Amino acid sequence: MPGAIPQHFIDELLARADIVEVIGRRVPLKKAGREFHACCPFHTEKTPSFTVSPAKQFYHCFGCGAHGTALGFLMEYDRLSFPEAVEELASSLGLEVPHEAAFEQGPDHRPLYDILDQAARHFALQLRQHPDAPQAIDYLRGRGVSGEVAATFRLGYAPPGWDNLLRALGTDDGRVRLLRDAGLITEQDGKRYDRLRERIIFPIRDTRGRVVGFGGRVLGDRKPKYLNSPETPVFHKGRELYGLYEARQADAHPQRLLVVEGYMDVVALAQFGISNAVATLGTATTPDHLEKLYRATPEVVFCFDGDRAGRDAAWKALNTALPLMRDGRQARFLFLPEGEDPDSLVRRIGAEALQAEITVAQPLSEFLFDKLAAQVDMHSLDGRARMAELARPLLEQLPTGMFREMMQQALYEHVGLKPPAGRVERPTGLTARPRVKRPQGTIPPIRRAVALLVQTPSLAILDIPAGWEGLDSPGIPLLQQLIQTVRANPEIHSAGLVEHWPEPETRKSLAKLAVLDLGILDDAAEQFLGTLRTLANEQRRSERDALLTKSRNSPLSEEEKQRLRELYRPLDL
């Protein structure tokens, strides 16, 4: 998606933005010399190691290594996607994101969003005004849903009848097509009719609050009890979560999110003040669901029935979660008593007691090892060895990091083995990486040159020596592009230079170099020029060696001999 936003607009945005102001609205900063310091918002610490540089328009934490631009901070702290971060920053500066920076890829889906929003308003109006609406209102009141909560979730009603919505919104052929494309009407044997009829309506909103689909609960005993919108260009069940938008409105940075089964569970919990519940839309939890959840919170609690089917579903969720369990992320499992759902349980024990149950839900590690231990005889050597074999492929799915190491250690403890010799044991309370000063000479010259330029873009304006451009090395084209970019934009700062690159991997690499400890930098200009001279000499040695190798196999031409003599002369830089 970043490619959909014009680069010139991102450049302008970062040129106008003040990273100190952006971060200062969210984190209390204290001025310290030319920079600002704070305790890092991305890990627990008592001594501030989080630094914001107005000159570079960059932030960096010397504890956990977090770093980036104003856009990167918004993405990490506010859990926004890149386009959402651009929109947030632009809005704070009074700028409008250009039309070509629309967030949808491909066709313009705004007409679909418009018709879906009109449908939501239509259903909400029917809940208030239709003669048959009292049965829907009685049902909601019977579940304890107040008018305030109904309004928060934009609940509505689809009355009996085959074409109420079609007649209300399908005023011409174009709008009929939109209703069909939005999944609101269906066609059969040449006839059109409303997909949702005689149901309580639950609008499904994306993370930006746009209605993308609907769920409907039938009144009475008809089947199916719940009916969702079909897949459409703007609605994908494997990506959307009911209630996530509302949960983020209640708390932009929830401590945890509770994943429940249905719409009414989410609404009923909100009625009791538990506003951090979301629901999948009739599907198992997908990796896309989890990535979206972990952008909003560090902890996800899965809520399942305590029966066999519920535990099987929990095991599937665990397997989906394992590859995504990077350090700092947590997953827990809450198993409900038989015959209970979140709605009934909160009514029986109250919100405070349920919150207490949520906070002590079973950790992923405990659920995993308990599940495997139940499949073997843990009292025998063979059984414990079998458990290790069952656990190994699961733990291998975990991303490299402290959590994976601790899970490996826990497995050894479960089966009664000591960790392999030479294994480094880290303190379990460690939350920050110590700053390691790297000797300057160990940094490869090209990497050092790029890092110097990203950290001090004005170096590109110097009288730069020639010769290094011909070196056959992967970093040379990037170094040339950086110099050209700065010369075309002399006022650009570090953050603007990083975000200038449309490729995410390049931006990520440049962001790391922007905070690389180079062990200087009072003489940055001389270091930069000296590094380029080193690269030029390396290019000359490479060319000289190639000519010498060629001379051993065949005579050199006069031009090649002359070039070889030139390459043996000292380079005047």
Protein backbone atom coordinates (compact mmCIF):
# COMPACT_ATOMS: atom_id res chain seq x y z
CA MET A 1 0.00 0.00 0.00
CA PRO A 2 2.77 2.58 0.57
CA GLY A 3 3.28 2.67 -3.20
CA ALA A 4 -0.26 4.06 -3.61
CA ILE A 5 0.73 7.30 -1.84
CA PRO A 6 2.72 9.80 -3.93
CA GLN A 7 6.30 10.04 -2.71
CA HIS A 8 6.30 13.82 -3.01
CA PHE A 9 3.43 13.96 -0.51
CA ILE A 10 5.29 11.78 2.02
CA ASP A 11 8.35 14.03 1.59
CA GLU A 12 6.25 17.14 2.20
CA LEU A 13 4.52 15.52 5.17
CA LEU A 14 7.78 14.65 6.92
CA ALA A 15 9.29 18.04 6.08
CA ARG A 16 6.39 19.78 7.85
CA ALA A 17 5.97 17.35 10.75
CA ASP A 18 7.76 17.83 14.06
CA ILE A 19 8.50 14.43 15.57
CA VAL A 20 8.90 15.99 19.03
CA GLU A 21 5.34 17.31 18.83
CA VAL A 22 3.96 14.02 17.44
CA ILE A 23 5.57 11.87 20.14
CA GLY A 24 5.15 14.50 22.86
CA ARG A 25 1.36 14.31 22.52
CA ARG A 26 1.57 10.64 23.47
CA VAL A 27 4.68 10.30 25.65
CA PRO A 28 5.99 12.86 28.20
CA LEU A 29 9.35 14.10 26.86
CA LYS A 30 12.09 15.98 28.73
CA LYS A 31 14.62 18.16 26.96
CA ALA A 32 18.24 17.08 27.40
CA GLY A 33 20.66 19.22 25.39
CA ARG A 34 19.75 19.08 21.71
CA GLU A 35 17.51 16.02 22.15
CA PHE A 36 14.52 14.86 24.17
CA HIS A 37 14.42 11.83 26.46
CA ALA A 38 11.68 9.63 27.96
CA CYS A 39 11.08 6.17 29.29
CA CYS A 40 10.48 3.99 26.27
CA PRO A 41 6.79 3.37 25.51
CA PHE A 42 7.64 0.04 23.86
CA HIS A 43 9.25 -1.77 26.80
CA THR A 44 9.36 -1.52 30.59
CA GLU A 45 12.22 0.52 32.00
CA LYS A 46 12.98 2.78 34.96
CA THR A 47 15.87 4.76 33.47
CA PRO A 48 14.99 6.70 30.27
CA SER A 49 16.73 5.32 27.19
CA PHE A 50 14.26 6.62 24.59
CA THR A 51 15.68 9.56 22.61
CA VAL A 52 13.96 11.86 20.13
CA SER A 53 16.18 13.91 17.80
CA PRO A 54 14.64 17.10 16.34
CA ALA A 55 17.61 17.45 13.94
CA LYS A 56 17.21 13.97 12.47
CA GLN A 57 13.42 13.87 13.03
CA PHE A 58 14.05 10.36 14.33
CA TYR A 59 13.46 8.43 17.55
CA HIS A 60 15.60 5.65 18.97
CA CYS A 61 15.56 3.53 22.11
CA PHE A 62 18.97 2.36 23.28
CA GLY A 63 17.24 -0.24 25.42
CA CYS A 64 14.96 -2.24 23.14
CA GLY A 65 16.27 -0.92 19.80
CA ALA A 66 12.97 0.63 18.64
CA HIS A 67 13.58 3.40 16.12
CA GLY A 68 11.97 5.23 13.25
CA THR A 69 10.32 8.37 11.92
CA ALA A 70 7.10 10.11 12.95
CA LEU A 71 5.23 7.76 10.63
CA GLY A 72 6.95 4.74 12.13
CA PHE A 73 6.08 5.90 15.65
CA LEU A 74 2.40 6.29 14.76
CA MET A 75 2.36 2.83 13.22
CA GLU A 76 3.96 1.25 16.29
CA TYR A 77 2.38 3.28 19.10
CA ASP A 78 -1.11 3.85 17.65
CA ARG A 79 -1.13 0.42 15.93
CA LEU A 80 -1.81 1.95 12.51
CA SER A 81 -1.09 0.71 9.03
CA PHE A 82 1.18 2.86 6.85
CA PRO A 83 -1.73 4.57 5.00
CA GLU A 84 -3.53 5.16 8.30
CA ALA A 85 -0.37 6.71 9.78
CA VAL A 86 -0.08 8.99 6.75
CA GLU A 87 -3.70 10.04 7.14
CA GLU A 88 -3.29 10.64 10.90
CA LEU A 89 -0.16 12.75 10.45
CA ALA A 90 -1.65 14.67 7.52
CA SER A 91 -4.81 15.40 9.50
CA SER A 92 -2.80 16.77 12.44
CA LEU A 93 -1.05 19.17 10.03
CA GLY A 94 -4.23 20.21 8.24
CA LEU A 95 -3.18 18.49 5.02
CA GLU A 96 -5.37 16.33 2.83
CA VAL A 97 -3.98 13.07 1.46
CA PRO A 98 -4.10 13.28 -2.35
CA HIS A 99 -6.90 11.39 -4.08
CA GLU A 100 -4.44 8.97 -5.70
CA ALA A 101 -3.39 7.96 -2.20
CA ALA A 102 -6.70 6.17 -1.67
CA PHE A 103 -6.28 3.26 0.71
CA GLU A 104 -7.91 0.69 -1.55
CA GLN A 105 -5.84 -1.03 -4.18
CA GLY A 106 -7.32 -1.31 -7.65
CA PRO A 107 -10.88 0.00 -8.22
CA ASP A 108 -12.38 2.83 -6.23
CA HIS A 109 -14.65 1.17 -3.64
CA ARG A 110 -16.08 4.34 -2.15
CA PRO A 111 -19.51 3.78 -3.75
CA LEU A 112 -19.64 0.37 -2.02
CA TYR A 113 -18.81 1.92 1.35
CA ASP A 114 -21.48 4.56 0.74
CA ILE A 115 -24.23 2.05 -0.03
CA LEU A 116 -23.24 -0.11 2.95
CA ASP A 117 -23.42 2.91 5.26
CA GLN A 118 -26.81 3.85 3.84
CA ALA A 119 -27.98 0.28 4.49
CA ALA A 120 -26.78 0.51 8.10
CA ARG A 121 -28.73 3.74 8.57
CA HIS A 122 -31.79 2.11 6.98
CA PHE A 123 -31.63 -0.90 9.33
CA ALA A 124 -31.15 1.39 12.37
CA LEU A 125 -34.21 3.42 11.32
CA GLN A 126 -36.29 0.24 10.97
CA LEU A 127 -35.36 -0.76 14.54
CA ARG A 128 -36.85 2.52 15.77
CA GLN A 129 -39.85 2.89 13.44
CA HIS A 130 -41.04 -0.34 11.79
CA PRO A 131 -44.33 -1.77 13.15
CA ASP A 132 -42.70 -5.19 13.63
CA ALA A 133 -39.62 -3.79 15.39
CA PRO A 134 -40.95 -4.28 18.96
CA GLN A 135 -40.14 -8.01 18.78
CA ALA A 136 -36.51 -7.15 17.99
CA ILE A 137 -36.47 -4.50 20.73
CA ASP A 138 -37.94 -6.98 23.22
CA TYR A 139 -35.24 -9.50 22.33
CA LEU A 140 -32.45 -6.95 22.84
CA ARG A 141 -33.94 -5.72 26.10
CA GLY A 142 -34.27 -9.33 27.23
CA ARG A 143 -30.53 -9.68 26.69
CA GLY A 144 -29.98 -6.51 28.73
CA VAL A 145 -28.89 -4.34 25.79
CA SER A 146 -29.48 -0.64 26.40
CA GLY A 147 -30.24 1.97 23.79
CA GLU A 148 -26.80 3.48 24.34
CA VAL A 149 -24.99 0.22 23.59
CA ALA A 150 -27.28 -0.44 20.62
CA ALA A 151 -26.31 2.96 19.24
CA THR A 152 -22.59 2.32 19.88
CA PHE A 153 -22.74 -0.82 17.73
CA ARG A 154 -25.27 0.71 15.27
CA LEU A 155 -27.66 -2.22 15.78
CA GLY A 156 -30.59 -2.40 13.39
CA TYR A 157 -33.50 -4.48 12.20
CA ALA A 158 -34.40 -6.06 8.87
CA PRO A 159 -38.20 -6.45 8.93
CA PRO A 160 -40.14 -9.27 7.24
CA GLY A 161 -40.54 -8.93 3.49
CA TRP A 162 -38.58 -9.85 0.41
CA ASP A 163 -37.48 -6.45 -0.86
CA ASN A 164 -37.68 -3.73 1.83
CA LEU A 165 -34.02 -2.71 1.44
CA LEU A 166 -34.14 -3.11 -2.34
CA ARG A 167 -37.12 -0.74 -2.60
CA ALA A 168 -35.58 1.76 -0.19
CA LEU A 169 -32.09 1.99 -1.74
CA GLY A 170 -32.28 0.41 -5.20
CA THR A 171 -33.70 3.48 -6.89
CA ASP A 172 -31.90 2.92 -10.21
CA ASP A 173 -29.93 0.20 -12.01
CA GLY A 174 -26.58 1.51 -10.75
CA ARG A 175 -27.66 1.37 -7.12
CA VAL A 176 -29.13 -2.09 -7.62
CA ARG A 177 -25.73 -3.23 -8.88
CA LEU A 178 -24.09 -1.69 -5.81
CA LEU A 179 -26.53 -3.51 -3.51
CA ARG A 180 -25.68 -6.77 -5.26
CA ASP A 181 -21.92 -6.13 -5.17
CA ALA A 182 -22.16 -5.27 -1.47
CA GLY A 183 -23.86 -8.61 -0.78
CA LEU A 184 -27.09 -6.95 0.38
CA ILE A 185 -29.37 -8.47 -2.24
CA THR A 186 -29.29 -11.73 -4.12
CA GLU A 187 -30.76 -12.88 -7.42
CA GLN A 188 -32.43 -16.19 -8.19
CA ASP A 189 -34.49 -17.20 -11.23
CA GLY A 190 -34.40 -13.63 -12.44
CA LYS A 191 -35.83 -12.26 -9.18
CA ARG A 192 -34.07 -9.99 -6.71
CA TYR A 193 -34.64 -10.03 -2.97
CA ASP A 194 -33.02 -8.85 0.27
CA ARG A 195 -30.44 -11.21 1.72
CA LEU A 196 -31.25 -10.19 5.32
CA ARG A 197 -34.90 -10.43 6.39
CA GLU A 198 -36.61 -10.59 9.80
CA ARG A 199 -33.31 -10.36 11.66
CA ILE A 200 -31.54 -8.16 14.15
CA ILE A 201 -28.72 -6.54 12.22
CA PHE A 202 -25.12 -6.15 13.42
CA PRO A 203 -23.09 -3.84 11.15
CA ILE A 204 -19.48 -5.00 10.79
CA ARG A 205 -16.97 -2.15 10.70
CA ASP A 206 -13.33 -2.16 9.65
CA THR A 207 -10.56 -0.51 11.68
CA ARG A 208 -11.40 2.87 10.13
CA GLY A 209 -15.04 2.61 11.18
CA ARG A 210 -16.43 1.98 7.70
CA VAL A 211 -19.29 -0.50 7.40
CA VAL A 212 -18.00 -3.41 5.30
CA GLY A 213 -20.68 -6.04 5.93
CA PHE A 214 -23.48 -7.23 8.17
CA GLY A 215 -24.42 -10.07 10.45
CA GLY A 216 -28.03 -10.92 11.11
CA ARG A 217 -29.60 -12.92 13.96
CA VAL A 218 -32.94 -14.47 13.17
CA LEU A 219 -35.96 -13.84 15.39
CA GLY A 220 -37.67 -17.15 15.94
CA ASP A 221 -36.53 -20.69 15.23
CA ARG A 222 -35.61 -20.40 11.54
CA LYS A 223 -32.21 -21.56 10.34
CA PRO A 224 -29.52 -20.45 10.07
CA LYS A 225 -29.63 -18.58 13.36
CA TYR A 226 -26.85 -16.23 12.21
CA LEU A 227 -26.25 -15.10 8.65
CA ASN A 228 -23.26 -13.05 7.50
CA SER A 229 -22.68 -10.96 4.40
CA PRO A 230 -20.94 -12.92 1.64
CA GLU A 231 -17.37 -12.14 0.59
CA THR A 232 -17.25 -8.88 -1.34
CA PRO A 233 -14.49 -6.57 -2.62
CA VAL A 234 -14.49 -4.82 0.79
CA PHE A 235 -15.44 -7.68 3.13
CA HIS A 236 -13.34 -10.74 3.88
CA LYS A 237 -14.35 -12.88 6.85
CA GLY A 238 -10.80 -14.09 7.39
CA ARG A 239 -9.58 -10.53 7.96
CA GLU A 240 -12.34 -8.66 9.79
CA LEU A 241 -13.21 -8.85 13.49
CA TYR A 242 -16.56 -7.76 14.83
CA GLY A 243 -16.21 -5.20 17.60
CA LEU A 244 -12.53 -4.31 17.04
CA TYR A 245 -13.36 -0.79 15.90
CA GLU A 246 -15.66 -0.27 18.90
CA ALA A 247 -13.05 -1.70 21.28
CA ARG A 248 -10.43 0.74 19.96
CA GLN A 249 -12.89 3.61 20.34
CA ALA A 250 -13.35 2.68 24.00
CA ASP A 251 -9.58 2.31 24.56
CA ALA A 252 -7.04 3.14 21.85
CA HIS A 253 -4.42 0.94 23.56
CA PRO A 254 -6.23 -1.92 25.29
CA GLN A 255 -4.17 -4.01 27.68
CA ARG A 256 -5.69 -7.14 26.14
CA LEU A 257 -8.41 -8.19 23.71
CA LEU A 258 -10.86 -11.03 24.35
CA VAL A 259 -11.81 -13.17 21.34
CA VAL A 260 -15.33 -14.58 21.71
CA GLU A 261 -17.63 -16.51 19.40
CA GLY A 262 -20.55 -14.29 18.45
CA TYR A 263 -21.95 -10.82 17.96
CA MET A 264 -24.21 -10.95 21.00
CA ASP A 265 -21.30 -11.96 23.23
CA VAL A 266 -19.43 -8.80 22.18
CA VAL A 267 -22.51 -6.58 22.67
CA ALA A 268 -23.52 -8.17 25.99
CA LEU A 269 -20.02 -7.84 27.44
CA ALA A 270 -19.92 -4.18 26.39
CA GLN A 271 -23.22 -3.71 28.24
CA PHE A 272 -21.42 -4.87 31.39
CA GLY A 273 -18.49 -2.53 30.81
CA ILE A 274 -16.20 -5.13 29.24
CA SER A 275 -15.51 -3.25 26.03
CA ASN A 276 -12.42 -5.16 24.84
CA ALA A 277 -14.18 -8.16 23.26
CA VAL A 278 -14.13 -9.01 19.55
CA ALA A 279 -15.56 -11.90 17.53
CA THR A 280 -14.50 -13.77 14.44
CA LEU A 281 -17.19 -13.96 11.79
CA GLY A 282 -18.14 -17.61 11.80
CA THR A 283 -14.61 -18.72 10.92
CA ALA A 284 -11.64 -20.04 12.85
CA THR A 285 -9.07 -17.45 13.90
CA THR A 286 -6.74 -16.74 10.97
CA PRO A 287 -3.19 -15.31 10.84
CA ASP A 288 -4.70 -12.10 9.42
CA HIS A 289 -7.02 -11.88 12.43
CA LEU A 290 -4.10 -12.30 14.82
CA GLU A 291 -1.87 -9.76 13.09
CA LYS A 292 -4.71 -7.26 13.30
CA LEU A 293 -5.25 -8.06 16.99
CA TYR A 294 -1.57 -7.76 17.86
CA ARG A 295 -1.38 -4.39 16.14
CA ALA A 296 -3.94 -3.25 18.70
CA THR A 297 -2.75 -5.02 21.86
CA PRO A 298 0.13 -7.12 23.21
CA GLU A 299 -2.18 -9.78 24.72
CA VAL A 300 -4.96 -11.86 23.15
CA VAL A 301 -7.25 -14.02 25.28
CA PHE A 302 -9.20 -16.70 23.42
CA CYS A 303 -12.53 -17.58 25.01
CA PHE A 304 -13.84 -21.09 24.24
CA ASP A 305 -16.35 -23.57 25.58
CA GLY A 306 -14.78 -26.01 27.99
CA ASP A 307 -16.06 -29.07 26.11
CA ARG A 308 -14.06 -31.14 23.65
CA ALA A 309 -15.14 -29.08 20.65
CA GLY A 310 -14.05 -25.90 22.42
CA ARG A 311 -10.66 -27.32 23.33
CA ASP A 312 -10.16 -28.58 19.77
CA ALA A 313 -10.93 -25.07 18.51
CA ALA A 314 -8.48 -23.65 21.06
CA TRP A 315 -5.76 -26.03 19.85
CA LYS A 316 -6.32 -24.84 16.28
CA ALA A 317 -6.03 -21.23 17.46
CA LEU A 318 -2.79 -22.09 19.28
CA ASN A 319 -1.30 -23.60 16.13
CA THR A 320 -2.28 -20.49 14.18
CA ALA A 321 -0.72 -18.25 16.82
CA LEU A 322 2.65 -20.01 17.21
CA PRO A 323 4.43 -18.51 14.13
CA LEU A 324 3.25 -15.04 15.19
CA MET A 325 4.37 -15.14 18.83
CA ARG A 326 7.18 -12.64 18.62
CA ASP A 327 8.73 -11.42 21.86
CA GLY A 328 6.34 -9.11 23.68
CA ARG A 329 3.20 -10.85 22.45
CA GLN A 330 1.07 -13.00 24.73
CA ALA A 331 -1.79 -15.44 24.15
CA ARG A 332 -4.05 -16.95 26.81
CA PHE A 333 -6.98 -19.36 26.79
CA LEU A 334 -10.13 -19.02 28.89
CA PHE A 335 -12.34 -22.12 28.98
CA LEU A 336 -15.94 -21.54 30.05
CA PRO A 337 -17.97 -23.82 32.32
CA GLU A 338 -20.24 -26.29 30.53
CA GLY A 339 -23.39 -24.69 29.17
CA GLU A 340 -22.07 -21.14 29.56
CA ASP A 341 -21.20 -18.50 26.99
CA PRO A 342 -19.64 -15.09 27.80
CA ASP A 343 -23.08 -13.49 27.79
CA SER A 344 -24.60 -15.93 30.30
CA LEU A 345 -21.46 -16.10 32.43
CA VAL A 346 -21.15 -12.35 32.91
CA ARG A 347 -24.81 -12.25 33.97
CA ARG A 348 -24.27 -15.03 36.48
CA ILE A 349 -20.98 -13.97 38.10
CA GLY A 350 -20.78 -10.27 37.19
CA ALA A 351 -18.25 -8.21 35.26
CA GLU A 352 -15.66 -7.96 38.05
CA ALA A 353 -15.50 -11.73 38.55
CA LEU A 354 -15.30 -12.35 34.80
CA GLN A 355 -12.49 -9.82 34.46
CA ALA A 356 -10.64 -11.68 37.20
CA GLU A 357 -11.08 -14.94 35.26
CA ILE A 358 -9.75 -13.29 32.12
CA THR A 359 -6.60 -12.00 33.84
CA VAL A 360 -5.70 -15.51 35.08
CA ALA A 361 -6.59 -17.32 31.84
CA GLN A 362 -4.27 -20.19 30.93
CA PRO A 363 -1.09 -19.03 29.16
CA LEU A 364 -0.27 -20.47 25.75
CA SER A 365 2.79 -22.27 27.15
CA GLU A 366 0.78 -24.01 29.86
CA PHE A 367 -2.01 -25.03 27.48
CA LEU A 368 0.49 -26.41 24.98
CA PHE A 369 2.44 -28.52 27.46
CA ASP A 370 -0.69 -29.72 29.29
CA LYS A 371 -2.24 -30.81 26.00
CA LEU A 372 0.85 -32.79 24.98
CA ALA A 373 1.35 -34.29 28.44
CA ALA A 374 -2.20 -35.63 28.35
CA GLN A 375 -1.35 -37.63 25.21
CA VAL A 376 1.57 -39.57 26.72
CA ASP A 377 2.59 -41.39 29.91
CA MET A 378 4.66 -38.78 31.70
CA HIS A 379 5.69 -41.36 34.33
CA SER A 380 7.78 -43.30 31.81
CA LEU A 381 10.95 -42.39 29.95
CA ASP A 382 9.34 -43.40 26.67
CA GLY A 383 6.35 -41.15 27.34
CA ARG A 384 8.49 -38.12 28.15
CA ALA A 385 10.61 -38.74 25.05
CA ARG A 386 7.40 -38.94 23.02
CA MET A 387 6.28 -35.61 24.47
CA ALA A 388 9.56 -34.02 23.40
CA GLU A 389 9.03 -35.34 19.86
CA LEU A 390 5.48 -33.96 19.78
CA ALA A 391 6.61 -30.57 21.07
CA ARG A 392 9.63 -30.10 18.81
CA PRO A 393 7.78 -29.24 15.54
CA LEU A 394 5.47 -26.91 17.44
CA LEU A 395 8.28 -24.99 19.11
CA GLU A 396 10.14 -24.76 15.81
CA GLN A 397 7.24 -22.66 14.51
CA LEU A 398 7.98 -19.95 17.09
CA PRO A 399 9.94 -16.95 15.82
CA THR A 400 13.54 -16.71 16.99
CA GLY A 401 13.74 -14.82 20.25
CA MET A 402 13.56 -15.00 24.01
CA PHE A 403 10.10 -16.60 24.12
CA ARG A 404 11.25 -19.45 21.91
CA GLU A 405 14.32 -19.99 24.12
CA MET A 406 12.20 -20.02 27.25
CA MET A 407 9.76 -22.49 25.69
CA GLN A 408 12.68 -24.76 24.81
CA GLN A 409 13.92 -24.51 28.39
CA ALA A 410 10.42 -25.29 29.71
CA LEU A 411 10.28 -28.39 27.51
CA TYR A 412 13.55 -29.67 28.97
CA GLU A 413 12.15 -29.14 32.45
CA HIS A 414 8.92 -31.00 31.60
CA VAL A 415 10.75 -34.04 30.30
CA GLY A 416 13.41 -33.98 33.01
CA LEU A 417 16.47 -32.99 30.97
CA LYS A 418 19.09 -30.30 31.40
CA PRO A 419 19.55 -27.75 28.59
CA PRO A 420 22.38 -28.66 26.16
CA ALA A 421 25.89 -27.65 27.22
CA GLY A 422 26.87 -24.17 26.09
CA ARG A 423 23.30 -22.93 26.04
CA VAL A 424 23.14 -19.31 27.15
CA GLU A 425 20.58 -18.76 29.89
CA ARG A 426 19.15 -15.26 30.02
CA PRO A 427 17.44 -13.77 33.04
CA THR A 428 13.69 -14.23 32.60
CA GLY A 429 13.06 -10.65 33.74
CA LEU A 430 15.20 -9.14 30.99
CA THR A 431 13.20 -6.58 29.05
CA ALA A 432 15.84 -4.47 27.36
CA ARG A 433 18.94 -5.03 25.31
CA PRO A 434 22.11 -3.38 26.62
CA ARG A 435 23.71 -0.89 24.29
CA VAL A 436 26.75 -2.47 22.69
CA LYS A 437 29.35 -0.09 21.29
CA ARG A 438 30.69 -1.45 18.05
CA PRO A 439 34.26 -0.62 17.05
CA GLN A 440 34.12 1.64 14.03
CA GLY A 441 36.58 -0.45 12.03
CA THR A 442 34.31 -3.49 12.06
CA ILE A 443 31.63 -1.75 9.98
CA PRO A 444 32.04 -2.49 6.25
CA PRO A 445 32.96 0.67 4.32
CA ILE A 446 29.84 0.80 2.14
CA ARG A 447 27.58 0.29 5.14
CA ARG A 448 29.50 3.00 7.02
CA ALA A 449 29.20 5.44 4.10
CA VAL A 450 25.44 4.88 3.82
CA ALA A 451 25.00 5.20 7.59
CA LEU A 452 26.99 8.46 7.68
CA LEU A 453 24.92 9.89 4.86
CA VAL A 454 21.58 8.88 6.37
CA GLN A 455 22.57 10.31 9.74
CA THR A 456 23.96 13.54 8.23
CA PRO A 457 22.34 14.09 4.80
CA SER A 458 24.21 17.38 4.24
CA LEU A 459 27.37 15.31 3.57
CA ALA A 460 26.06 14.72 0.05
CA ILE A 461 26.62 18.42 -0.74
CA LEU A 462 30.40 18.09 -0.20
CA ASP A 463 32.91 17.87 -3.05
CA ILE A 464 32.81 14.08 -3.23
CA PRO A 465 35.78 12.12 -4.64
CA ALA A 466 35.21 9.94 -7.70
CA GLY A 467 36.15 6.37 -8.51
CA TRP A 468 34.07 4.44 -5.98
CA GLU A 469 30.99 4.42 -8.26
CA GLY A 470 32.49 1.65 -10.43
CA LEU A 471 32.86 -0.77 -7.53
CA ASP A 472 30.82 -3.94 -8.11
CA SER A 473 29.06 -4.14 -4.75
CA PRO A 474 25.35 -4.29 -3.79
CA GLY A 475 25.42 -1.08 -1.72
CA ILE A 476 26.93 1.19 -4.38
CA PRO A 477 23.70 1.92 -6.33
CA LEU A 478 21.90 2.78 -3.08
CA LEU A 479 24.70 5.13 -2.03
CA GLN A 480 24.51 6.86 -5.42
CA GLN A 481 20.73 7.21 -5.16
CA LEU A 482 21.02 8.65 -1.66
CA ILE A 483 23.48 11.29 -2.82
CA GLN A 484 21.27 12.19 -5.78
CA THR A 485 18.19 12.40 -3.55
CA VAL A 486 19.85 14.75 -1.06
CA ARG A 487 21.26 16.97 -3.82
CA ALA A 488 17.77 17.24 -5.30
CA ASN A 489 16.33 17.98 -1.83
CA PRO A 490 19.08 19.84 0.08
CA GLU A 491 16.87 20.50 3.12
CA ILE A 492 15.90 16.85 3.64
CA HIS A 493 16.54 15.40 7.11
CA SER A 494 17.25 11.82 8.18
CA ALA A 495 13.60 10.87 8.60
CA GLY A 496 12.66 12.24 5.18
CA LEU A 497 15.56 10.40 3.58
CA VAL A 498 14.50 7.09 5.15
CA GLU A 499 10.84 7.46 4.18
CA HIS A 500 11.77 8.59 0.65
CA TRP A 501 12.23 4.96 -0.37
CA PRO A 502 9.02 3.19 -1.44
CA GLU A 503 10.40 -0.32 -0.79
CA PRO A 504 9.64 -1.40 2.82
CA GLU A 505 12.84 -3.46 3.11
CA THR A 506 15.02 -0.54 2.01
CA ARG A 507 13.28 1.77 4.46
CA LYS A 508 13.80 -0.77 7.23
CA SER A 509 17.53 -1.08 6.43
CA LEU A 510 18.02 2.70 6.24
CA ALA A 511 16.16 3.16 9.54
CA LYS A 512 18.62 0.80 11.24
CA LEU A 513 21.57 2.67 9.76
CA ALA A 514 20.11 5.99 10.90
CA VAL A 515 20.69 4.92 14.52
CA LEU A 516 23.83 2.80 14.03
CA ASP A 517 26.50 3.73 16.58
CA LEU A 518 29.45 4.86 14.45
CA GLY A 519 31.62 5.85 17.37
CA ILE A 520 32.07 9.47 16.17
CA LEU A 521 30.72 12.00 14.94
CA ASP A 522 32.56 15.28 15.41
CA ASP A 523 34.40 14.67 12.13
CA ALA A 524 31.53 13.20 10.11
CA ALA A 525 32.62 14.96 6.90
CA GLU A 526 36.17 13.58 7.04
CA GLN A 527 34.87 10.13 7.97
CA PHE A 528 32.51 10.17 4.99
CA LEU A 529 35.10 11.39 2.49
CA GLY A 530 37.69 8.98 3.89
CA THR A 531 35.26 6.08 3.50
CA LEU A 532 34.62 7.02 -0.13
CA ARG A 533 38.40 7.11 -0.70
CA THR A 534 38.61 3.61 0.79
CA LEU A 535 35.91 2.44 -1.60
CA ALA A 536 37.68 4.09 -4.55
CA ASN A 537 40.91 2.29 -3.65
CA GLU A 538 38.97 -0.96 -3.34
CA GLN A 539 37.57 -0.42 -6.83
CA ARG A 540 41.06 0.21 -8.21
CA ARG A 541 42.43 -2.95 -6.56
CA SER A 542 39.55 -4.95 -7.99
CA GLU A 543 40.14 -3.62 -11.51
CA ARG A 544 43.93 -4.13 -11.20
CA ASP A 545 43.51 -7.73 -10.02
CA ALA A 546 41.19 -8.45 -12.93
CA LEU A 547 43.74 -7.15 -15.44
CA LEU A 548 46.54 -9.13 -13.82
CA THR A 549 44.46 -12.30 -13.95
CA LYS A 550 43.74 -11.67 -17.60
CA SER A 551 47.44 -11.09 -18.39
CA ARG A 552 48.28 -14.56 -17.15
CA ASN A 553 46.03 -16.12 -19.77
CA SER A 554 46.39 -13.79 -22.76
CA PRO A 555 48.37 -10.68 -23.78
CA LEU A 556 46.93 -7.33 -22.73
CA SER A 557 46.16 -4.63 -25.28
CA GLU A 558 48.13 -1.35 -25.19
CA GLU A 559 45.13 0.38 -23.64
CA GLU A 560 44.90 -2.28 -20.94
CA LYS A 561 48.64 -2.03 -20.21
CA GLN A 562 48.33 1.73 -19.89
CA ARG A 563 45.34 1.31 -17.56
CA LEU A 564 47.30 -1.19 -15.44
CA ARG A 565 50.17 1.29 -15.09
CA GLU A 566 47.69 3.96 -14.00
CA LEU A 567 46.22 1.64 -11.41
CA TYR A 568 49.64 1.08 -9.84
CA ARG A 569 50.15 4.81 -9.34
CA PRO A 570 49.03 6.30 -6.02
CA LEU A 571 45.49 7.62 -6.22
CA ASP A 572 45.32 11.41 -5.91
CA LEU A 573 42.13 12.06 -3.95
